[in-house]
Amino acid sequence: FYNFFDNMKEILGIAVIIGITYKFSGLILFATFS
C-alpha cells in the first residue's frame, strides 16, 4: 500500500518471467524461480 509503482514493477516483472518461461520451458529448471 506504500508504493503503487513497486507493485506494478513486481507484477509486470513476474508476468514477463512467466511469459519467457512459457516460450522457453527449459528456464523453469534453470532460472525461473531464482
PDB file of all heavy atoms in Angstrom:
ATOM      1  N   PHE A   1       0.806  -1.218   0.000  1.00  0.00           N
ATOM      2  CA  PHE A   1       0.000   0.000   0.000  1.00  0.00           C
ATOM      3  C   PHE A   1       0.847   1.281   0.000  1.00  0.00           C
ATOM      4  O   PHE A   1       0.326   2.369  -0.239  1.00  0.00           O
ATOM      5  CB  PHE A   1      -0.948   0.005   1.201  1.00  0.00           C
ATOM      6  CG  PHE A   1      -2.037  -1.018   1.099  1.00  0.00           C
ATOM      7  CD1 PHE A   1      -2.016  -2.167   1.873  1.00  0.00           C
ATOM      8  CD2 PHE A   1      -3.078  -0.852   0.194  1.00  0.00           C
ATOM      9  CE1 PHE A   1      -3.023  -3.125   1.764  1.00  0.00           C
ATOM     10  CE2 PHE A   1      -4.091  -1.797   0.079  1.00  0.00           C
ATOM     11  CZ  PHE A   1      -4.058  -2.935   0.865  1.00  0.00           C
ATOM     12  N   TYR A   2       2.140   1.122   0.241  1.00  0.00           N
ATOM     13  CA  TYR A   2       3.033   2.285   0.318  1.00  0.00           C
ATOM     14  C   TYR A   2       3.472   2.762  -1.059  1.00  0.00           C
ATOM     15  O   TYR A   2       3.571   3.962  -1.296  1.00  0.00           O
ATOM     16  CB  TYR A   2       4.263   1.921   1.163  1.00  0.00           C
ATOM     17  CG  TYR A   2       5.316   3.004   1.240  1.00  0.00           C
ATOM     18  CD1 TYR A   2       5.157   4.095   2.088  1.00  0.00           C
ATOM     19  CD2 TYR A   2       6.489   2.920   0.476  1.00  0.00           C
ATOM     20  CE1 TYR A   2       6.132   5.083   2.166  1.00  0.00           C
ATOM     21  CE2 TYR A   2       7.465   3.902   0.543  1.00  0.00           C
ATOM     22  CZ  TYR A   2       7.283   4.983   1.392  1.00  0.00           C
ATOM     23  OH  TYR A   2       8.247   5.958   1.465  1.00  0.00           O
ATOM     24  N   ASN A   3       3.741   1.825  -1.958  1.00  0.00           N
ATOM     25  CA  ASN A   3       4.321   2.201  -3.247  1.00  0.00           C
ATOM     26  C   ASN A   3       3.635   1.466  -4.395  1.00  0.00           C
ATOM     27  O   ASN A   3       3.914   0.294  -4.655  1.00  0.00           O
ATOM     28  CB  ASN A   3       5.826   1.908  -3.245  1.00  0.00           C
ATOM     29  CG  ASN A   3       6.550   2.576  -4.389  1.00  0.00           C
ATOM     30  OD1 ASN A   3       6.046   2.644  -5.510  1.00  0.00           O
ATOM     31  ND2 ASN A   3       7.747   3.072  -4.128  1.00  0.00           N
ATOM     32  N   PHE A   4       2.744   2.158  -5.091  1.00  0.00           N
ATOM     33  CA  PHE A   4       1.993   1.575  -6.194  1.00  0.00           C
ATOM     34  C   PHE A   4       2.920   1.143  -7.335  1.00  0.00           C
ATOM     35  O   PHE A   4       2.708   0.103  -7.958  1.00  0.00           O
ATOM     36  CB  PHE A   4       0.967   2.589  -6.712  1.00  0.00           C
ATOM     37  CG  PHE A   4       0.256   2.158  -7.958  1.00  0.00           C
ATOM     38  CD1 PHE A   4      -0.769   1.222  -7.901  1.00  0.00           C
ATOM     39  CD2 PHE A   4       0.615   2.670  -9.200  1.00  0.00           C
ATOM     40  CE1 PHE A   4      -1.426   0.809  -9.051  1.00  0.00           C
ATOM     41  CE2 PHE A   4      -0.032   2.264 -10.348  1.00  0.00           C
ATOM     42  CZ  PHE A   4      -1.061   1.336 -10.277  1.00  0.00           C
ATOM     43  N   PHE A   5       3.968   1.943  -7.601  1.00  0.00           N
ATOM     44  CA  PHE A   5       4.866   1.642  -8.720  1.00  0.00           C
ATOM     45  C   PHE A   5       5.691   0.379  -8.462  1.00  0.00           C
ATOM     46  O   PHE A   5       5.999  -0.358  -9.391  1.00  0.00           O
ATOM     47  CB  PHE A   5       5.769   2.844  -8.997  1.00  0.00           C
ATOM     48  CG  PHE A   5       5.022   4.019  -9.552  1.00  0.00           C
ATOM     49  CD1 PHE A   5       4.754   5.128  -8.761  1.00  0.00           C
ATOM     50  CD2 PHE A   5       4.548   4.009 -10.855  1.00  0.00           C
ATOM     51  CE1 PHE A   5       4.048   6.206  -9.268  1.00  0.00           C
ATOM     52  CE2 PHE A   5       3.833   5.073 -11.376  1.00  0.00           C
ATOM     53  CZ  PHE A   5       3.585   6.186 -10.580  1.00  0.00           C
ATOM     54  N   ASP A   6       6.035   0.130  -7.193  1.00  0.00           N
ATOM     55  CA  ASP A   6       6.711  -1.135  -6.863  1.00  0.00           C
ATOM     56  C   ASP A   6       5.815  -2.316  -7.205  1.00  0.00           C
ATOM     57  O   ASP A   6       6.282  -3.338  -7.723  1.00  0.00           O
ATOM     58  CB  ASP A   6       7.072  -1.180  -5.375  1.00  0.00           C
ATOM     59  CG  ASP A   6       8.398  -0.490  -5.080  1.00  0.00           C
ATOM     60  OD1 ASP A   6       9.022   0.018  -6.023  1.00  0.00           O
ATOM     61  OD2 ASP A   6       8.804  -0.472  -3.905  1.00  0.00           O
ATOM     62  N   ASN A   7       4.524  -2.171  -6.911  1.00  0.00           N
ATOM     63  CA  ASN A   7       3.582  -3.250  -7.208  1.00  0.00           C
ATOM     64  C   ASN A   7       3.477  -3.491  -8.711  1.00  0.00           C
ATOM     65  O   ASN A   7       3.458  -4.639  -9.170  1.00  0.00           O
ATOM     66  CB  ASN A   7       2.188  -2.927  -6.649  1.00  0.00           C
ATOM     67  CG  ASN A   7       2.207  -2.691  -5.158  1.00  0.00           C
ATOM     68  OD1 ASN A   7       3.044  -3.237  -4.439  1.00  0.00           O
ATOM     69  ND2 ASN A   7       1.293  -1.871  -4.671  1.00  0.00           N
ATOM     70  N   MET A   8       3.409  -2.400  -9.472  1.00  0.00           N
ATOM     71  CA  MET A   8       3.338  -2.528 -10.925  1.00  0.00           C
ATOM     72  C   MET A   8       4.595  -3.193 -11.478  1.00  0.00           C
ATOM     73  O   MET A   8       4.522  -4.078 -12.335  1.00  0.00           O
ATOM     74  CB  MET A   8       3.142  -1.149 -11.571  1.00  0.00           C
ATOM     75  CG  MET A   8       1.789  -0.528 -11.313  1.00  0.00           C
ATOM     76  SD  MET A   8       0.422  -1.561 -11.908  1.00  0.00           S
ATOM     77  CE  MET A   8       0.759  -1.592 -13.657  1.00  0.00           C
ATOM     78  N   LYS A   9       5.749  -2.777 -10.960  1.00  0.00           N
ATOM     79  CA  LYS A   9       7.020  -3.369 -11.409  1.00  0.00           C
ATOM     80  C   LYS A   9       7.069  -4.853 -11.058  1.00  0.00           C
ATOM     81  O   LYS A   9       7.524  -5.670 -11.869  1.00  0.00           O
ATOM     82  CB  LYS A   9       8.198  -2.635 -10.775  1.00  0.00           C
ATOM     83  CG  LYS A   9       8.470  -1.254 -11.349  1.00  0.00           C
ATOM     84  CD  LYS A   9       9.763  -0.656 -10.827  1.00  0.00           C
ATOM     85  CE  LYS A   9       9.667  -0.264  -9.377  1.00  0.00           C
ATOM     86  NZ  LYS A   9      10.876   0.431  -8.880  1.00  0.00           N
ATOM     87  N   GLU A  10       6.612  -5.186  -9.847  1.00  0.00           N
ATOM     88  CA  GLU A  10       6.638  -6.588  -9.411  1.00  0.00           C
ATOM     89  C   GLU A  10       5.728  -7.455 -10.267  1.00  0.00           C
ATOM     90  O   GLU A  10       6.135  -8.518 -10.758  1.00  0.00           O
ATOM     91  CB  GLU A  10       6.207  -6.672  -7.943  1.00  0.00           C
ATOM     92  CG  GLU A  10       6.203  -8.081  -7.370  1.00  0.00           C
ATOM     93  CD  GLU A  10       7.581  -8.684  -7.213  1.00  0.00           C
ATOM     94  OE1 GLU A  10       8.579  -7.922  -7.196  1.00  0.00           O
ATOM     95  OE2 GLU A  10       7.674  -9.913  -7.103  1.00  0.00           O
ATOM     96  N   ILE A  11       4.514  -7.001 -10.459  1.00  0.00           N
ATOM     97  CA  ILE A  11       3.533  -7.788 -11.228  1.00  0.00           C
ATOM     98  C   ILE A  11       3.966  -7.915 -12.691  1.00  0.00           C
ATOM     99  O   ILE A  11       3.915  -9.009 -13.273  1.00  0.00           O
ATOM    100  CB  ILE A  11       2.133  -7.149 -11.125  1.00  0.00           C
ATOM    101  CG1 ILE A  11       1.591  -7.307  -9.695  1.00  0.00           C
ATOM    102  CG2 ILE A  11       1.169  -7.797 -12.113  1.00  0.00           C
ATOM    103  CD1 ILE A  11       0.384  -6.457  -9.384  1.00  0.00           C
ATOM    104  N   LEU A  12       4.405  -6.813 -13.283  1.00  0.00           N
ATOM    105  CA  LEU A  12       4.859  -6.858 -14.680  1.00  0.00           C
ATOM    106  C   LEU A  12       6.109  -7.722 -14.822  1.00  0.00           C
ATOM    107  O   LEU A  12       6.241  -8.477 -15.797  1.00  0.00           O
ATOM    108  CB  LEU A  12       5.133  -5.442 -15.191  1.00  0.00           C
ATOM    109  CG  LEU A  12       3.902  -4.567 -15.444  1.00  0.00           C
ATOM    110  CD1 LEU A  12       4.318  -3.135 -15.773  1.00  0.00           C
ATOM    111  CD2 LEU A  12       3.055  -5.147 -16.566  1.00  0.00           C
ATOM    112  N   GLY A  13       7.017  -7.619 -13.848  1.00  0.00           N
ATOM    113  CA  GLY A  13       8.234  -8.426 -13.887  1.00  0.00           C
ATOM    114  C   GLY A  13       7.931  -9.911 -13.818  1.00  0.00           C
ATOM    115  O   GLY A  13       8.479 -10.704 -14.603  1.00  0.00           O
ATOM    116  N   ILE A  14       7.048 -10.290 -12.902  1.00  0.00           N
ATOM    117  CA  ILE A  14       6.660 -11.701 -12.777  1.00  0.00           C
ATOM    118  C   ILE A  14       5.967 -12.170 -14.054  1.00  0.00           C
ATOM    119  O   ILE A  14       6.198 -13.285 -14.533  1.00  0.00           O
ATOM    120  CB  ILE A  14       5.746 -11.909 -11.544  1.00  0.00           C
ATOM    121  CG1 ILE A  14       6.555 -11.718 -10.256  1.00  0.00           C
ATOM    122  CG2 ILE A  14       5.118 -13.308 -11.562  1.00  0.00           C
ATOM    123  CD1 ILE A  14       5.718 -11.773  -8.988  1.00  0.00           C
ATOM    124  N   ALA A  15       5.105 -11.301 -14.613  1.00  0.00           N
ATOM    125  CA  ALA A  15       4.400 -11.650 -15.857  1.00  0.00           C
ATOM    126  C   ALA A  15       5.393 -11.886 -17.002  1.00  0.00           C
ATOM    127  O   ALA A  15       5.239 -12.831 -17.780  1.00  0.00           O
ATOM    128  CB  ALA A  15       3.420 -10.539 -16.227  1.00  0.00           C
ATOM    129  N   VAL A  16       6.411 -11.040 -17.083  1.00  0.00           N
ATOM    130  CA  VAL A  16       7.431 -11.201 -18.131  1.00  0.00           C
ATOM    131  C   VAL A  16       8.206 -12.500 -17.942  1.00  0.00           C
ATOM    132  O   VAL A  16       8.446 -13.244 -18.901  1.00  0.00           O
ATOM    133  CB  VAL A  16       8.406  -9.990 -18.136  1.00  0.00           C
ATOM    134  CG1 VAL A  16       9.624 -10.285 -19.014  1.00  0.00           C
ATOM    135  CG2 VAL A  16       7.692  -8.743 -18.623  1.00  0.00           C
ATOM    136  N   ILE A  17       8.579 -12.791 -16.691  1.00  0.00           N
ATOM    137  CA  ILE A  17       9.317 -14.028 -16.395  1.00  0.00           C
ATOM    138  C   ILE A  17       8.480 -15.257 -16.752  1.00  0.00           C
ATOM    139  O   ILE A  17       8.974 -16.217 -17.355  1.00  0.00           O
ATOM    140  CB  ILE A  17       9.737 -14.076 -14.913  1.00  0.00           C
ATOM    141  CG1 ILE A  17      10.804 -13.007 -14.643  1.00  0.00           C
ATOM    142  CG2 ILE A  17      10.277 -15.455 -14.536  1.00  0.00           C
ATOM    143  CD1 ILE A  17      11.102 -12.785 -13.173  1.00  0.00           C
ATOM    144  N   ILE A  18       7.182 -15.208 -16.400  1.00  0.00           N
ATOM    145  CA  ILE A  18       6.278 -16.324 -16.736  1.00  0.00           C
ATOM    146  C   ILE A  18       6.137 -16.448 -18.252  1.00  0.00           C
ATOM    147  O   ILE A  18       6.145 -17.550 -18.810  1.00  0.00           O
ATOM    148  CB  ILE A  18       4.901 -16.126 -16.073  1.00  0.00           C
ATOM    149  CG1 ILE A  18       5.024 -16.283 -14.556  1.00  0.00           C
ATOM    150  CG2 ILE A  18       3.879 -17.133 -16.628  1.00  0.00           C
ATOM    151  CD1 ILE A  18       3.756 -15.930 -13.795  1.00  0.00           C
ATOM    152  N   GLY A  19       6.010 -15.300 -18.929  1.00  0.00           N
ATOM    153  CA  GLY A  19       5.872 -15.306 -20.392  1.00  0.00           C
ATOM    154  C   GLY A  19       7.094 -15.890 -21.080  1.00  0.00           C
ATOM    155  O   GLY A  19       6.970 -16.705 -22.004  1.00  0.00           O
ATOM    156  N   ILE A  20       8.281 -15.488 -20.623  1.00  0.00           N
ATOM    157  CA  ILE A  20       9.518 -16.022 -21.203  1.00  0.00           C
ATOM    158  C   ILE A  20       9.648 -17.518 -20.912  1.00  0.00           C
ATOM    159  O   ILE A  20      10.061 -18.300 -21.773  1.00  0.00           O
ATOM    160  CB  ILE A  20      10.742 -15.257 -20.652  1.00  0.00           C
ATOM    161  CG1 ILE A  20      10.700 -13.801 -21.120  1.00  0.00           C
ATOM    162  CG2 ILE A  20      12.043 -15.920 -21.112  1.00  0.00           C
ATOM    163  CD1 ILE A  20      11.754 -12.919 -20.485  1.00  0.00           C
ATOM    164  N   THR A  21       9.260 -17.901 -19.686  1.00  0.00           N
ATOM    165  CA  THR A  21       9.308 -19.323 -19.317  1.00  0.00           C
ATOM    166  C   THR A  21       8.350 -20.140 -20.167  1.00  0.00           C
ATOM    167  O   THR A  21       8.660 -21.277 -20.559  1.00  0.00           O
ATOM    168  CB  THR A  21       8.969 -19.503 -17.824  1.00  0.00           C
ATOM    169  OG1 THR A  21       9.886 -18.751 -17.032  1.00  0.00           O
ATOM    170  CG2 THR A  21       9.046 -20.972 -17.417  1.00  0.00           C
ATOM    171  N   TYR A  22       7.185 -19.568 -20.457  1.00  0.00           N
ATOM    172  CA  TYR A  22       6.198 -20.255 -21.311  1.00  0.00           C
ATOM    173  C   TYR A  22       6.777 -20.489 -22.705  1.00  0.00           C
ATOM    174  O   TYR A  22       6.557 -21.540 -23.306  1.00  0.00           O
ATOM    175  CB  TYR A  22       4.923 -19.414 -21.399  1.00  0.00           C
ATOM    176  CG  TYR A  22       3.849 -20.028 -22.266  1.00  0.00           C
ATOM    177  CD1 TYR A  22       3.066 -21.085 -21.790  1.00  0.00           C
ATOM    178  CD2 TYR A  22       3.623 -19.561 -23.562  1.00  0.00           C
ATOM    179  CE1 TYR A  22       2.081 -21.652 -22.580  1.00  0.00           C
ATOM    180  CE2 TYR A  22       2.641 -20.124 -24.358  1.00  0.00           C
ATOM    181  CZ  TYR A  22       1.878 -21.174 -23.865  1.00  0.00           C
ATOM    182  OH  TYR A  22       0.900 -21.747 -24.657  1.00  0.00           O
ATOM    183  N   LYS A  23       7.538 -19.512 -23.192  1.00  0.00           N
ATOM    184  CA  LYS A  23       8.120 -19.635 -24.541  1.00  0.00           C
ATOM    185  C   LYS A  23       9.346 -20.551 -24.532  1.00  0.00           C
ATOM    186  O   LYS A  23       9.566 -21.316 -25.461  1.00  0.00           O
ATOM    187  CB  LYS A  23       8.504 -18.241 -25.055  1.00  0.00           C
ATOM    188  CG  LYS A  23       8.899 -18.224 -26.520  1.00  0.00           C
ATOM    189  CD  LYS A  23       8.989 -16.818 -27.034  1.00  0.00           C
ATOM    190  CE  LYS A  23       9.367 -16.779 -28.519  1.00  0.00           C
ATOM    191  NZ  LYS A  23       8.355 -17.400 -29.382  1.00  0.00           N
ATOM    192  N   PHE A  24      10.130 -20.460 -23.439  1.00  0.00           N
ATOM    193  CA  PHE A  24      11.331 -21.295 -23.321  1.00  0.00           C
ATOM    194  C   PHE A  24      11.194 -22.118 -22.031  1.00  0.00           C
ATOM    195  O   PHE A  24      11.694 -21.717 -20.976  1.00  0.00           O
ATOM    196  CB  PHE A  24      12.596 -20.431 -23.272  1.00  0.00           C
ATOM    197  CG  PHE A  24      12.739 -19.515 -24.438  1.00  0.00           C
ATOM    198  CD1 PHE A  24      12.398 -18.173 -24.335  1.00  0.00           C
ATOM    199  CD2 PHE A  24      13.204 -19.991 -25.663  1.00  0.00           C
ATOM    200  CE1 PHE A  24      12.523 -17.322 -25.417  1.00  0.00           C
ATOM    201  CE2 PHE A  24      13.339 -19.144 -26.754  1.00  0.00           C
ATOM    202  CZ  PHE A  24      12.987 -17.803 -26.637  1.00  0.00           C
ATOM    203  N   SER A  25      10.507 -23.233 -22.130  1.00  0.00           N
ATOM    204  CA  SER A  25      10.112 -24.004 -20.948  1.00  0.00           C
ATOM    205  C   SER A  25      11.295 -24.540 -20.134  1.00  0.00           C
ATOM    206  O   SER A  25      11.164 -24.821 -18.944  1.00  0.00           O
ATOM    207  CB  SER A  25       9.205 -25.174 -21.357  1.00  0.00           C
ATOM    208  OG  SER A  25       9.828 -25.985 -22.337  1.00  0.00           O
ATOM    209  N   GLY A  26      12.453 -24.651 -20.751  1.00  0.00           N
ATOM    210  CA  GLY A  26      13.630 -25.140 -20.031  1.00  0.00           C
ATOM    211  C   GLY A  26      14.060 -24.210 -18.908  1.00  0.00           C
ATOM    212  O   GLY A  26      14.746 -24.634 -17.968  1.00  0.00           O
ATOM    213  N   LEU A  27      13.634 -22.959 -18.969  1.00  0.00           N
ATOM    214  CA  LEU A  27      14.001 -21.987 -17.943  1.00  0.00           C
ATOM    215  C   LEU A  27      13.417 -22.339 -16.577  1.00  0.00           C
ATOM    216  O   LEU A  27      13.946 -21.921 -15.556  1.00  0.00           O
ATOM    217  CB  LEU A  27      13.533 -20.580 -18.347  1.00  0.00           C
ATOM    218  CG  LEU A  27      14.309 -19.909 -19.477  1.00  0.00           C
ATOM    219  CD1 LEU A  27      13.675 -18.566 -19.819  1.00  0.00           C
ATOM    220  CD2 LEU A  27      15.764 -19.711 -19.092  1.00  0.00           C
ATOM    221  N   ILE A  28      12.323 -23.096 -16.567  1.00  0.00           N
ATOM    222  CA  ILE A  28      11.719 -23.460 -15.283  1.00  0.00           C
ATOM    223  C   ILE A  28      12.685 -24.303 -14.449  1.00  0.00           C
ATOM    224  O   ILE A  28      12.668 -24.265 -13.222  1.00  0.00           O
ATOM    225  CB  ILE A  28      10.380 -24.206 -15.481  1.00  0.00           C
ATOM    226  CG1 ILE A  28       9.566 -24.155 -14.179  1.00  0.00           C
ATOM    227  CG2 ILE A  28      10.585 -25.646 -15.944  1.00  0.00           C
ATOM    228  CD1 ILE A  28       8.129 -24.562 -14.342  1.00  0.00           C
ATOM    229  N   LEU A  29      13.579 -25.019 -15.112  1.00  0.00           N
ATOM    230  CA  LEU A  29      14.581 -25.817 -14.408  1.00  0.00           C
ATOM    231  C   LEU A  29      15.793 -24.975 -14.020  1.00  0.00           C
ATOM    232  O   LEU A  29      16.355 -25.149 -12.942  1.00  0.00           O
ATOM    233  CB  LEU A  29      15.030 -26.988 -15.287  1.00  0.00           C
ATOM    234  CG  LEU A  29      16.130 -27.888 -14.718  1.00  0.00           C
ATOM    235  CD1 LEU A  29      15.667 -28.566 -13.420  1.00  0.00           C
ATOM    236  CD2 LEU A  29      16.546 -28.940 -15.733  1.00  0.00           C
ATOM    237  N   PHE A  30      16.155 -24.010 -14.867  1.00  0.00           N
ATOM    238  CA  PHE A  30      17.428 -23.311 -14.681  1.00  0.00           C
ATOM    239  C   PHE A  30      17.343 -21.857 -14.204  1.00  0.00           C
ATOM    240  O   PHE A  30      18.357 -21.313 -13.772  1.00  0.00           O
ATOM    241  CB  PHE A  30      18.232 -23.346 -15.986  1.00  0.00           C
ATOM    242  CG  PHE A  30      18.632 -24.728 -16.410  1.00  0.00           C
ATOM    243  CD1 PHE A  30      18.005 -25.342 -17.481  1.00  0.00           C
ATOM    244  CD2 PHE A  30      19.621 -25.421 -15.723  1.00  0.00           C
ATOM    245  CE1 PHE A  30      18.374 -26.623 -17.881  1.00  0.00           C
ATOM    246  CE2 PHE A  30      19.995 -26.699 -16.104  1.00  0.00           C
ATOM    247  CZ  PHE A  30      19.367 -27.306 -17.188  1.00  0.00           C
ATOM    248  N   ALA A  31      16.171 -21.227 -14.286  1.00  0.00           N
ATOM    249  CA  ALA A  31      16.190 -19.792 -13.970  1.00  0.00           C
ATOM    250  C   ALA A  31      14.917 -19.190 -13.385  1.00  0.00           C
ATOM    251  O   ALA A  31      14.987 -18.204 -12.658  1.00  0.00           O
ATOM    252  CB  ALA A  31      16.567 -19.000 -15.227  1.00  0.00           C
ATOM    253  N   THR A  32      13.767 -19.732 -13.672  1.00  0.00           N
ATOM    254  CA  THR A  32      12.504 -19.044 -13.380  1.00  0.00           C
ATOM    255  C   THR A  32      12.359 -18.590 -11.929  1.00  0.00           C
ATOM    256  O   THR A  32      12.079 -17.421 -11.645  1.00  0.00           O
ATOM    257  CB  THR A  32      11.307 -19.936 -13.760  1.00  0.00           C
ATOM    258  OG1 THR A  32      11.388 -20.252 -15.151  1.00  0.00           O
ATOM    259  CG2 THR A  32       9.988 -19.219 -13.486  1.00  0.00           C
ATOM    260  N   PHE A  33      12.552 -19.495 -10.995  1.00  0.00           N
ATOM    261  CA  PHE A  33      12.302 -19.172  -9.584  1.00  0.00           C
ATOM    262  C   PHE A  33      13.381 -18.256  -9.016  1.00  0.00           C
ATOM    263  O   PHE A  33      13.078 -17.294  -8.296  1.00  0.00           O
ATOM    264  CB  PHE A  33      12.185 -20.461  -8.768  1.00  0.00           C
ATOM    265  CG  PHE A  33      11.025 -21.306  -9.181  1.00  0.00           C
ATOM    266  CD1 PHE A  33      11.194 -22.386 -10.043  1.00  0.00           C
ATOM    267  CD2 PHE A  33       9.737 -21.012  -8.745  1.00  0.00           C
ATOM    268  CE1 PHE A  33      10.117 -23.151 -10.455  1.00  0.00           C
ATOM    269  CE2 PHE A  33       8.648 -21.767  -9.155  1.00  0.00           C
ATOM    270  CZ  PHE A  33       8.838 -22.838 -10.009  1.00  0.00           C
ATOM    271  N   SER A  34      14.620 -18.537  -9.331  1.00  0.00           N
ATOM    272  CA  SER A  34      15.709 -17.690  -8.822  1.00  0.00           C
ATOM    273  C   SER A  34      15.657 -16.305  -9.450  1.00  0.00           C
ATOM    274  O   SER A  34      15.935 -15.300  -8.777  1.00  0.00           O
ATOM    275  CB  SER A  34      17.061 -18.342  -9.105  1.00  0.00           C
ATOM    276  OG  SER A  34      17.220 -18.625 -10.477  1.00  0.00           O
TER     277      SER A  34
END
